Protein backbone atom coordinates (compact mmCIF):
# COMPACT_ATOMS: atom_id res chain seq x y z
CA MET A 1 14.03 19.44 21.33
CA LYS A 2 10.03 20.29 22.05
CA GLU A 3 9.03 23.49 22.75
CA ASP A 4 6.83 25.59 24.76
CA ILE A 5 7.15 29.01 24.70
CA LEU A 6 4.40 32.02 25.25
CA TYR A 7 4.85 34.91 23.37
CA GLY A 8 2.99 38.08 23.99
CA ALA A 9 -0.67 38.34 26.04
CA GLY A 10 -0.67 35.67 28.67
CA ARG A 11 -4.03 34.32 29.63
CA GLY A 12 -6.98 36.47 30.79
CA GLU A 13 -4.60 39.56 30.03
CA GLY A 14 -5.55 42.29 27.40
CA LEU A 15 -8.57 43.84 26.12
CA TYR A 16 -10.80 41.26 26.15
CA MET A 17 -10.62 38.84 29.27
CA THR A 18 -10.73 35.13 29.21
CA GLU A 19 -14.76 35.36 30.45
CA ASN A 20 -15.38 37.29 27.15
CA ILE A 21 -14.02 35.45 24.28
CA LYS A 22 -16.66 34.21 22.24
CA ILE A 23 -14.04 32.11 19.74
CA SER A 24 -10.46 30.78 19.79
CA VAL A 25 -9.00 31.04 16.46
CA ILE A 26 -5.96 28.93 16.64
CA ILE A 27 -3.01 29.41 13.26
CA PRO A 28 -0.35 26.68 13.01
CA VAL A 29 2.05 28.68 11.18
CA TYR A 30 5.07 27.49 8.74
CA ASN A 31 6.42 29.34 6.64
CA THR A 32 4.13 31.17 5.27
CA GLU A 33 5.81 34.56 5.16
CA GLU A 34 4.52 34.83 1.43
CA TYR A 35 0.60 34.86 2.69
CA LEU A 36 0.88 35.36 6.31
CA ASN A 37 0.14 39.41 6.38
CA GLU A 38 -3.47 38.79 4.50
CA CYS A 39 -4.09 35.99 6.59
CA LEU A 40 -3.56 37.73 9.92
CA GLU A 41 -4.68 40.94 8.64
CA SER A 42 -7.96 39.86 8.01
CA ILE A 43 -8.60 37.67 11.20
CA CYS A 44 -7.75 40.72 13.45
CA SER A 45 -10.58 42.95 11.43
CA GLN A 46 -13.63 40.24 11.91
CA THR A 47 -16.43 42.62 13.05
CA LEU A 48 -17.01 39.97 15.62
CA LYS A 49 -14.35 41.71 17.90
CA GLU A 50 -14.12 39.20 21.21
CA ILE A 51 -12.13 36.40 20.17
CA GLU A 52 -8.47 35.38 20.76
CA ILE A 53 -6.34 34.52 18.17
CA ILE A 54 -3.88 31.70 19.05
CA CYS A 55 -0.78 31.84 16.55
CA VAL A 56 0.99 28.48 16.97
CA ASP A 57 4.80 28.76 15.02
CA ASP A 58 5.58 25.15 14.17
CA GLY A 59 9.82 25.57 14.00
CA SER A 60 9.43 28.46 10.54
CA THR A 61 12.71 28.03 9.13
CA ASP A 62 11.73 31.54 7.35
CA ASN A 63 10.02 34.89 8.48
CA SER A 64 7.15 34.00 9.77
CA LEU A 65 8.13 34.45 13.30
CA ARG A 66 8.93 37.56 13.13
CA ILE A 67 5.59 38.67 11.35
CA LEU A 68 3.37 36.90 14.23
CA ALA A 69 5.72 38.85 16.95
CA ASP A 70 5.13 42.34 15.00
CA HIS A 71 1.31 41.35 14.56
CA ALA A 72 1.11 40.18 18.03
CA ALA A 73 2.74 43.41 19.82
CA ARG A 74 -0.12 45.78 17.48
CA ASP A 75 -2.90 43.32 18.70
CA SER A 76 -3.24 42.49 21.80
CA ARG A 77 -5.59 39.89 21.48
CA ILE A 78 -3.01 37.71 19.45
CA ARG A 79 -1.12 35.03 21.69
CA LEU A 80 2.21 33.63 19.72
CA LEU A 81 3.44 29.88 20.90
CA LYS A 82 6.35 28.27 19.36
CA GLN A 83 7.72 24.62 18.94
CA SER A 84 9.80 22.58 17.02
CA ASN A 85 8.42 21.13 14.19
CA GLN A 86 5.96 18.72 14.06
CA TYR A 87 3.22 19.58 11.88
CA ALA A 88 -0.03 21.54 12.13
CA GLY A 89 -1.39 18.57 13.85
CA VAL A 90 0.24 18.65 16.96
CA ALA A 91 0.68 22.66 16.79
CA ARG A 92 -3.68 22.56 16.96
CA ASN A 93 -3.47 20.34 19.85
CA LEU A 94 -0.89 22.98 21.46
CA GLY A 95 -3.08 26.00 20.53
CA MET A 96 -6.31 23.94 22.43
CA ARG A 97 -4.30 23.78 25.30
CA TYR A 98 -4.34 27.62 25.96
CA ALA A 99 -7.62 28.19 23.85
CA SER A 100 -10.74 29.54 26.45
CA GLY A 101 -13.59 31.06 24.31
CA LYS A 102 -16.62 29.24 23.94
CA TYR A 103 -16.42 28.14 20.59
CA LEU A 104 -12.89 26.91 18.44
CA CYS A 105 -11.93 27.89 14.47
CA PHE A 106 -8.92 25.66 13.67
CA LEU A 107 -7.28 28.10 10.55
CA ASP A 108 -4.56 28.01 7.53
CA SER A 109 -2.15 30.46 7.57
CA ASP A 110 -2.17 30.73 3.95
CA ASP A 111 -5.43 31.51 3.53
CA PHE A 112 -8.08 34.68 4.26
CA PHE A 113 -11.44 35.16 5.04
CA SER A 114 -14.71 37.44 5.21
CA ALA A 115 -15.06 40.59 7.82
CA VAL A 116 -18.15 38.80 8.96
CA PHE A 117 -17.08 35.06 8.96
CA LEU A 118 -16.49 34.44 12.17
CA GLU A 119 -19.96 36.36 13.31
CA LYS A 120 -21.89 34.46 11.01
CA MET A 121 -20.47 31.26 12.34
CA TYR A 122 -20.96 32.59 16.18
CA ILE A 123 -24.79 33.47 15.33
CA ALA A 124 -25.67 30.47 13.75
CA ALA A 125 -23.97 28.25 16.72
CA GLU A 126 -25.14 30.18 18.94
CA LYS A 127 -29.06 30.19 17.35
CA TYR A 128 -29.30 26.35 16.59
CA GLU A 129 -26.96 24.65 19.74
CA SER A 130 -24.83 24.08 17.54
CA ASP A 131 -21.66 21.66 18.83
CA ILE A 132 -20.49 22.32 14.69
CA VAL A 133 -21.33 24.66 12.04
CA ILE A 134 -20.03 24.67 8.57
CA CYS A 135 -19.75 27.38 5.97
CA ASN A 136 -18.63 27.62 2.09
CA CYS A 137 -15.58 28.40 0.40
CA TYR A 138 -13.74 29.76 -2.18
CA ASN A 139 -10.85 28.46 -4.15
CA TYR A 140 -8.21 30.97 -4.85
CA ASP A 141 -5.90 30.05 -7.50
CA SER A 142 -2.19 31.51 -5.79
CA MET A 143 -0.95 30.96 -9.39
CA THR A 144 -3.68 32.77 -11.42
CA GLY A 145 -5.55 34.60 -9.28
CA GLN A 146 -8.60 33.70 -9.99
CA THR A 147 -11.40 32.83 -7.83
CA SER A 148 -14.21 29.68 -7.80
CA LYS A 149 -16.61 28.83 -5.38
CA GLY A 150 -16.20 26.08 -3.35
CA TYR A 151 -18.55 23.08 -2.29
CA MET A 152 -20.46 21.66 0.18
CA ARG A 153 -22.49 18.23 -1.65
CA GLU A 154 -26.33 19.74 -1.43
CA GLU A 155 -26.94 16.11 -2.76
CA PHE A 156 -25.66 14.41 0.48
CA LEU A 157 -27.41 17.01 2.87
CA PRO A 158 -31.49 16.65 4.40
CA GLU A 159 -33.79 18.07 3.68
CA ASP A 160 -33.19 20.85 6.74
CA SER A 161 -29.97 21.70 7.06
CA THR A 162 -29.75 24.00 10.02
CA ASN A 163 -29.88 21.48 12.73
CA PHE A 164 -28.91 17.75 11.86
CA SER A 165 -27.15 14.99 12.63
CA LYS A 166 -25.43 11.45 12.08
CA GLU A 167 -29.54 10.33 12.90
CA ASP A 168 -30.81 12.16 9.70
CA ILE A 169 -28.05 10.69 7.45
CA SER A 170 -26.08 7.84 8.92
CA ASP A 171 -25.16 6.41 5.72
CA LYS A 172 -23.79 10.22 4.03
CA LEU A 173 -22.73 12.16 7.06
CA PHE A 174 -18.89 11.79 5.87
CA GLN A 175 -19.81 13.06 2.25
CA ILE A 176 -21.51 15.96 3.02
CA THR A 177 -18.17 17.88 3.71
CA ASP A 178 -14.06 17.08 3.75
CA GLY A 179 -12.02 16.39 6.56
CA TRP A 180 -10.29 20.05 6.44
CA PRO A 181 -10.98 22.04 10.26
CA TRP A 182 -10.66 25.62 9.02
CA ASN A 183 -14.43 26.18 7.42
CA LYS A 184 -15.77 25.09 10.95
CA LEU A 185 -16.78 26.20 14.37
CA PHE A 186 -16.14 23.88 17.15
CA ARG A 187 -18.37 24.05 20.68
CA THR A 188 -15.79 23.86 22.77
CA GLU A 189 -17.07 21.97 25.76
CA PHE A 190 -18.39 19.11 23.28
CA ILE A 191 -14.83 18.50 21.73
CA GLN A 192 -13.35 18.69 25.09
CA ARG A 193 -15.92 15.82 26.38
CA SER A 194 -15.35 13.91 23.39
CA GLY A 195 -11.97 13.66 23.90
CA LEU A 196 -10.85 14.53 19.86
CA SER A 197 -7.40 15.74 19.15
CA PHE A 198 -5.34 16.06 15.93
CA SER A 199 -2.85 13.27 15.00
CA ALA A 200 0.37 14.17 14.86
CA THR A 201 1.41 12.66 11.20
CA ARG A 202 2.82 15.06 8.72
CA THR A 203 -0.02 15.40 6.33
CA ALA A 204 -4.46 13.79 6.40
CA ASN A 205 -3.48 14.85 10.25
CA ASP A 206 -6.83 16.50 10.88
CA GLY A 207 -9.44 13.83 8.90
CA TYR A 208 -9.52 11.91 12.03
CA PHE A 209 -10.49 14.41 14.70
CA VAL A 210 -12.95 16.67 12.33
CA PHE A 211 -14.46 13.52 11.08
CA MET A 212 -15.18 11.95 13.98
CA ALA A 213 -16.52 15.50 15.27
CA LEU A 214 -19.28 15.34 13.13
CA ALA A 215 -19.92 11.37 14.05
CA LEU A 216 -20.43 12.44 17.50
CA ALA A 217 -22.34 15.97 17.48
CA ALA A 218 -25.74 16.69 18.13
CA ARG A 219 -26.09 19.43 16.54
CA ILE A 220 -24.96 20.70 12.73
CA THR A 221 -25.25 24.00 10.81
CA LYS A 222 -25.09 24.82 7.88
CA VAL A 223 -24.26 27.88 6.75
CA ASP A 224 -24.57 28.85 3.39
CA ASP A 225 -22.09 31.93 2.65
CA TYR A 226 -19.19 31.67 0.99
CA LEU A 227 -16.78 33.18 4.10
CA ILE A 228 -13.06 31.63 3.19
CA ASN A 229 -10.59 31.95 0.22
CA TRP A 230 -9.43 28.70 -0.06
CA ARG A 231 -5.54 29.15 -1.62
CA ILE A 232 -4.79 26.54 -3.50
CA ASN A 233 -1.51 25.81 -5.67
CA ASN A 234 0.15 27.07 -3.27
CA ARG A 235 3.82 25.48 -3.79
CA ASN A 236 4.76 25.69 -0.11
CA SER A 237 2.07 23.55 0.77
CA LEU A 238 2.63 20.02 2.33
CA SER A 239 -0.38 18.99 1.10
CA ASN A 240 1.64 19.35 -2.42
CA THR A 241 4.94 16.98 -1.07
CA ARG A 242 2.25 14.17 -0.45
CA ASN A 243 5.04 11.33 -1.85
CA LYS A 244 7.05 12.17 1.35
CA SER A 245 4.52 11.10 3.40
CA TRP A 246 1.72 8.93 1.41
CA TYR A 247 1.17 6.71 4.46
CA CYS A 248 -0.38 9.66 6.91
CA GLY A 249 -3.51 8.91 5.18
CA PHE A 250 -3.99 5.15 5.27
CA GLN A 251 -3.29 6.11 9.36
CA MET A 252 -6.28 8.93 8.91
CA LEU A 253 -8.53 6.18 7.78
CA TYR A 254 -7.83 3.18 9.83
CA GLU A 255 -7.63 5.79 13.00
CA MET A 256 -11.10 6.70 11.68
CA LYS A 257 -12.09 2.90 11.38
CA GLN A 258 -11.16 2.04 14.68
CA GLY A 259 -12.76 5.65 16.59
CA LEU A 260 -15.75 5.07 15.09
CA LYS A 261 -16.32 1.21 16.66
CA LYS A 262 -14.40 2.43 19.65
CA ASN A 263 -18.16 4.28 20.01
CA ASN A 264 -20.03 1.69 18.53
CA LEU A 265 -20.76 3.73 15.42
CA TYR A 266 -19.58 1.57 12.78
CA GLU A 267 -22.25 -0.59 12.30
CA ILE A 268 -24.58 2.67 11.20
CA MET A 269 -21.90 4.62 9.20
CA GLU A 270 -19.70 1.31 7.17
CA LYS A 271 -21.24 3.11 4.21
CA THR A 272 -20.53 6.23 4.67
CA PHE A 273 -17.30 5.66 6.06
CA LEU A 274 -16.02 2.98 2.87
CA ASN A 275 -17.78 6.10 0.08
CA PHE A 276 -15.25 8.47 2.07
CA SER A 277 -12.61 5.53 1.50
CA LEU A 278 -12.73 4.63 -1.58
CA GLU A 279 -12.94 8.10 -2.59
CA TYR A 280 -10.00 9.34 -0.46
CA ILE A 281 -7.65 6.32 -1.55
CA LEU A 282 -8.08 7.30 -5.08
CA TRP A 283 -7.76 10.91 -4.99
CA SER A 284 -4.10 10.35 -3.49
CA LEU A 285 -2.89 7.91 -5.40
CA GLU A 286 -3.80 10.13 -8.78
CA GLN A 287 -2.19 12.38 -6.43
CA MET A 288 1.16 11.75 -6.50
CA GLU A 289 3.92 11.63 -9.03
CA PHE A 290 4.68 8.43 -11.05
CA CYS A 291 7.56 7.43 -8.09
CA ASN A 292 8.47 4.40 -5.60
CA GLU A 293 6.17 6.22 -3.38
CA LYS A 294 3.01 5.84 -5.40
CA GLU A 295 3.60 2.51 -6.23
CA LYS A 296 4.28 1.98 -2.72
CA LEU A 297 0.62 3.05 -2.26
CA TYR A 298 -0.70 0.74 -5.00
CA GLU A 299 0.38 -2.15 -2.70
CA CYS A 300 -0.87 -0.71 -0.02
CA ILE A 301 -3.82 -0.74 -1.41
CA GLN A 302 -3.71 -3.93 -2.30
CA THR A 303 -2.87 -5.57 1.17
CA GLU A 304 -3.41 -3.67 4.70
CA CYS A 305 -6.24 -1.60 2.51
CA LYS A 306 -8.24 -4.52 1.76
CA ASP A 307 -7.54 -6.38 5.19
CA CYS A 308 -7.18 -3.23 7.42
CA ILE A 309 -10.35 -1.12 6.24
CA GLY A 310 -12.21 -3.06 3.99
CA ILE A 311 -13.09 -0.55 1.52
CA THR A 312 -14.88 -2.82 -1.03
CA ASN A 313 -16.44 -5.18 1.64
CA LEU A 314 -20.02 -3.52 0.73
CA PRO A 315 -21.89 -5.15 -2.68
CA ALA A 316 -21.21 -2.54 -5.16
CA GLU A 317 -24.74 -1.00 -5.28
CA ASN A 318 -23.99 0.42 -1.83
CA TYR A 319 -21.45 2.52 -3.73
CA TYR A 320 -22.31 6.80 -4.91
CA HIS A 321 -19.89 6.88 -7.43
CA SER A 322 -19.84 3.25 -9.72
CA ASP A 323 -16.54 4.31 -12.14
CA LEU A 324 -14.57 4.96 -8.57
CA TYR A 325 -15.70 1.78 -7.56
CA ILE A 326 -14.85 -0.30 -10.47
CA ARG A 327 -11.57 1.62 -10.74
CA TYR A 328 -10.54 0.58 -7.57
CA LYS A 329 -11.12 -3.26 -8.27
CA TYR A 330 -9.51 -2.80 -10.97
CA ILE A 331 -6.83 -1.86 -8.49
CA GLU A 332 -7.20 -4.82 -5.65
CA GLU A 333 -7.18 -7.12 -9.36
CA HIS A 334 -4.27 -6.19 -10.56
CA THR A 335 -0.68 -5.25 -10.79
CA PHE A 336 0.69 -1.83 -10.38
CA SER A 337 2.63 -2.62 -13.93
CA GLU A 338 -0.45 -3.24 -15.97
CA TYR A 339 -2.02 -0.05 -14.12
CA LEU A 340 1.02 2.23 -15.64
CA MET A 341 -0.05 0.40 -19.08
CA SER A 342 -3.98 0.84 -18.57
CA LEU A 343 -3.31 4.31 -18.28
CA LEU A 344 -0.80 4.94 -21.03
CA GLU A 345 -3.59 2.72 -22.95
CA GLY A 346 -6.41 4.96 -22.28
CA LYS A 347 -8.28 2.24 -20.45
CA ILE A 348 -8.30 3.99 -17.19
CA GLN A 349 -8.32 7.63 -16.39
CA GLU A 350 -7.16 8.75 -13.44
CA ALA A 351 -10.49 11.51 -13.20
CA ASP A 352 -9.45 14.93 -14.13
CA THR A 353 -6.26 14.94 -13.76
CA TYR A 354 -5.21 12.69 -16.36
CA GLN A 355 -4.86 14.66 -19.45
CA ILE A 356 -2.37 16.46 -16.82
CA TYR A 357 -0.19 13.35 -15.70
CA ASN A 358 -0.29 11.28 -18.92
CA CYS A 359 2.67 13.37 -20.26
CA ARG A 360 4.08 13.15 -17.50
CA LEU A 361 3.71 9.58 -16.87
CA ARG A 362 5.10 9.25 -20.46
CA ASP A 363 8.01 10.87 -19.80
CA GLN A 364 8.91 9.43 -16.41
CA LEU A 365 8.42 5.87 -18.41
CA GLN A 366 10.72 7.17 -20.80
CA ASN A 367 13.69 8.11 -18.22
CA LYS A 368 13.00 5.38 -15.70
CA VAL A 369 13.97 1.56 -15.33
CA TRP A 370 11.90 -1.84 -15.66
CA LEU A 371 14.18 -4.03 -12.96
CA PHE A 372 15.68 -7.26 -13.83
CA PRO A 373 13.46 -9.92 -11.68
CA PHE A 374 16.97 -10.81 -9.74
CA LYS A 375 15.18 -12.25 -7.18
CA SER A 376 13.79 -15.00 -9.60
CA VAL A 377 16.96 -15.31 -10.95
CA SER A 378 19.86 -17.94 -9.74
CA LYS A 379 23.08 -15.95 -9.62
CA GLY A 380 25.68 -16.63 -12.34
CA LYS A 381 23.25 -18.98 -14.29
CA SER A 382 22.61 -18.65 -18.21
CA ILE A 383 19.61 -17.29 -19.24
CA ILE A 384 17.27 -16.64 -22.07
CA LEU A 385 15.86 -13.04 -22.67
CA TYR A 386 12.55 -12.79 -24.52
CA GLY A 387 11.19 -9.13 -25.76
CA ALA A 388 13.43 -6.52 -26.60
CA GLY A 389 11.27 -3.04 -26.22
CA LYS A 390 11.93 -1.04 -23.01
CA MET A 391 11.36 -3.17 -20.44
CA GLY A 392 14.19 -6.29 -23.11
CA GLN A 393 16.68 -2.91 -22.92
CA ASP A 394 16.25 -1.87 -19.38
CA TYR A 395 16.99 -5.78 -18.69
CA TYR A 396 19.67 -6.12 -20.68
CA ARG A 397 21.68 -3.01 -19.49
CA GLN A 398 21.02 -4.35 -15.96
CA ILE A 399 23.17 -8.01 -16.44
CA GLN A 400 25.58 -6.58 -18.60
CA GLU A 401 26.31 -3.61 -15.89
CA THR A 402 26.00 -6.02 -12.89
CA GLY A 403 27.48 -9.53 -14.56
CA TYR A 404 24.66 -11.27 -12.46
CA CYS A 405 24.09 -13.71 -15.18
CA GLU A 406 24.97 -14.64 -18.45
CA VAL A 407 22.48 -13.91 -21.81
CA VAL A 408 23.10 -16.34 -24.16
CA LEU A 409 20.06 -15.23 -26.40
CA TRP A 410 18.20 -12.67 -26.48
CA MET A 411 14.55 -13.34 -28.77
CA ASP A 412 12.38 -11.10 -30.15
CA ARG A 413 9.52 -11.46 -32.67
CA LYS A 414 10.36 -8.40 -34.27
CA PHE A 415 13.79 -9.07 -34.91
CA GLU A 416 13.73 -9.05 -38.71
CA ASN A 417 11.93 -5.42 -38.07
CA GLY A 418 14.74 -3.44 -37.03
CA LYS A 419 16.72 -4.46 -34.12
CA ARG A 420 19.50 -5.74 -35.31
CA GLU A 421 21.83 -2.51 -33.61
CA LEU A 422 21.01 -5.11 -30.54
CA ASP A 423 22.61 -7.66 -29.29
CA ILE A 424 19.60 -9.52 -29.89
CA GLN A 425 21.05 -13.07 -32.02
CA GLY A 426 17.55 -14.55 -33.74
CA TRP A 427 14.46 -15.45 -33.69
CA LYS A 428 13.02 -19.59 -32.82
CA ASP A 429 15.80 -20.95 -34.95
CA LYS A 430 17.85 -20.68 -32.48
CA LEU A 431 16.46 -21.72 -29.56
CA ASP A 432 18.38 -24.70 -28.08
CA LEU A 433 16.38 -25.74 -25.57
CA SER A 434 19.54 -28.60 -24.12
CA GLY A 435 20.51 -25.93 -21.55
CA MET A 436 17.50 -25.83 -19.46
CA HIS A 437 17.71 -22.13 -19.67
CA GLN A 438 15.00 -19.81 -17.55
CA VAL A 439 13.47 -17.43 -20.39
CA VAL A 440 13.03 -14.00 -18.93
CA VAL A 441 9.85 -12.28 -20.46
CA ALA A 442 10.01 -8.90 -20.82
CA LEU A 443 6.89 -7.98 -22.37
CA LEU A 444 4.67 -5.58 -19.81
CA ASN A 445 1.36 -6.15 -21.99
CA LYS A 446 -0.41 -8.90 -19.32
CA THR A 447 -2.47 -10.87 -22.66
CA GLU A 448 0.92 -10.34 -25.16
CA ALA A 449 3.12 -12.09 -22.53
CA GLU A 450 0.35 -14.61 -21.90
CA LYS A 451 0.42 -15.23 -25.85
CA SER A 452 4.43 -15.30 -25.62
CA ILE A 453 4.52 -17.73 -22.51
CA LYS A 454 1.87 -20.37 -24.35
CA MET A 455 4.07 -19.97 -28.25
CA LEU A 456 6.91 -20.71 -25.59
CA SER A 457 5.49 -23.80 -23.90
CA THR A 458 4.20 -24.96 -27.52
CA TRP A 459 8.16 -24.85 -28.63
CA GLY A 460 9.11 -27.45 -25.75
CA VAL A 461 9.96 -24.82 -22.82
CA PRO A 462 8.47 -26.27 -19.54
CA GLU A 463 6.15 -23.27 -17.84
CA ASN A 464 8.26 -23.33 -14.27
CA ARG A 465 11.68 -21.79 -16.49
CA ILE A 466 9.40 -18.92 -17.95
CA ILE A 467 9.75 -15.89 -15.73
CA TRP A 468 7.09 -12.99 -16.16
CA ASN A 469 7.25 -10.29 -13.31
CA PRO A 470 7.18 -6.86 -14.40
CA SER A 471 8.31 -4.37 -11.78
CA TYR A 472 8.58 -0.39 -12.19
CA GLY A 473 11.37 1.16 -11.08
CA CYS A 474 12.53 4.59 -10.09
CA GLN A 475 15.96 5.10 -10.37
CA GLU A 476 17.58 6.96 -13.06
CA MET A 477 18.60 4.91 -15.99
CA LYS A 478 22.71 4.08 -15.61
CA ARG A 479 24.43 4.83 -18.97
């Protein structure tokens, strides 16, 4: 059930009346009790005092709402709204409905901020009459307590970054900053006139808003100062649970493309959009654990992303990172199973996270199963199983457990090299073609599989009776 309950000061009440508010700070809150006090204290102590702080509790189940209420009781600038859990995008939209400041600032409740953050952003916006102001940030690691400089990609910025727009860098605009709103200040009148709002998805609900705002803004200003401490490695962040919302990123890209087309901007911004899409999708893929959802995203890249987004539609020289383009083309042209094997063999790498995920991938492949190609084999028929590695053993175990078909012969070229503990019955001398059985090839490596299929063909096995269809499953292996 949706809720829209206002706690604390009403509109125009308190120390700073509506007409005096320079910035409306909107903070969606969901289960961040561990960091919420630090966030609110850093906002309430800003040197710019003429602000309102609109906190929207998104159905928190911890003590976040109580912490918000305590702060609202002490500072009349805080307005507290509550809704059922509908995610940060909907919460930000609710906050905008109550906002009365000249500018909008959307912050995350687990971050904390320099005391001069809002003042410096406001001064820059007023000086250059900006629709959007962007600042730099620090990355604060919750696990180690270490701080490092975040970045804006200076190489994509125009020479004068104090006052620019898409007309200056139409082919690079989406490369200068990421799609988060919290390091940006937006002119309220500009956002209202543009009709922009946040998406209602579980994650990636801010990208459409931010990038469309960048595309529509007449004046964008960059502030060089590092004014925000962005908390990374927050175990409770929804961004760390992408396995549950892998499709949200694709929805964001689709909405962005449609928004650019609607505003007659796609033609001049196609290059920057496709480069961003390429980086974003590959980043999303490598952030996900190796499970069914990762395979679904992989398949989405080969189908919906290809058809609806067209990430590799431009000639190769139009992409800023040739290595990413090559990796993306590999994904478009190879199966998920081949992708996993290439990762294990080191032929491709998932950026800087590869060393971390390599061991995890090996562990998961040991504990998961290769699914027998049930759809390609007629139930109750007799088959020959070729290959006694992990895939072959997974296939054989599933056949024995389900009784789906009968294995009349289990073949492997390494039969003489120590696999006698399995029910492998021999090699070529045992192959009986009189029954015209289907031969299921249980090999992952494509090159090896093709060699084996060719060899079977020379022995007289018709190619239309040879099945090779590796499919990785994420079920626990049954014992």
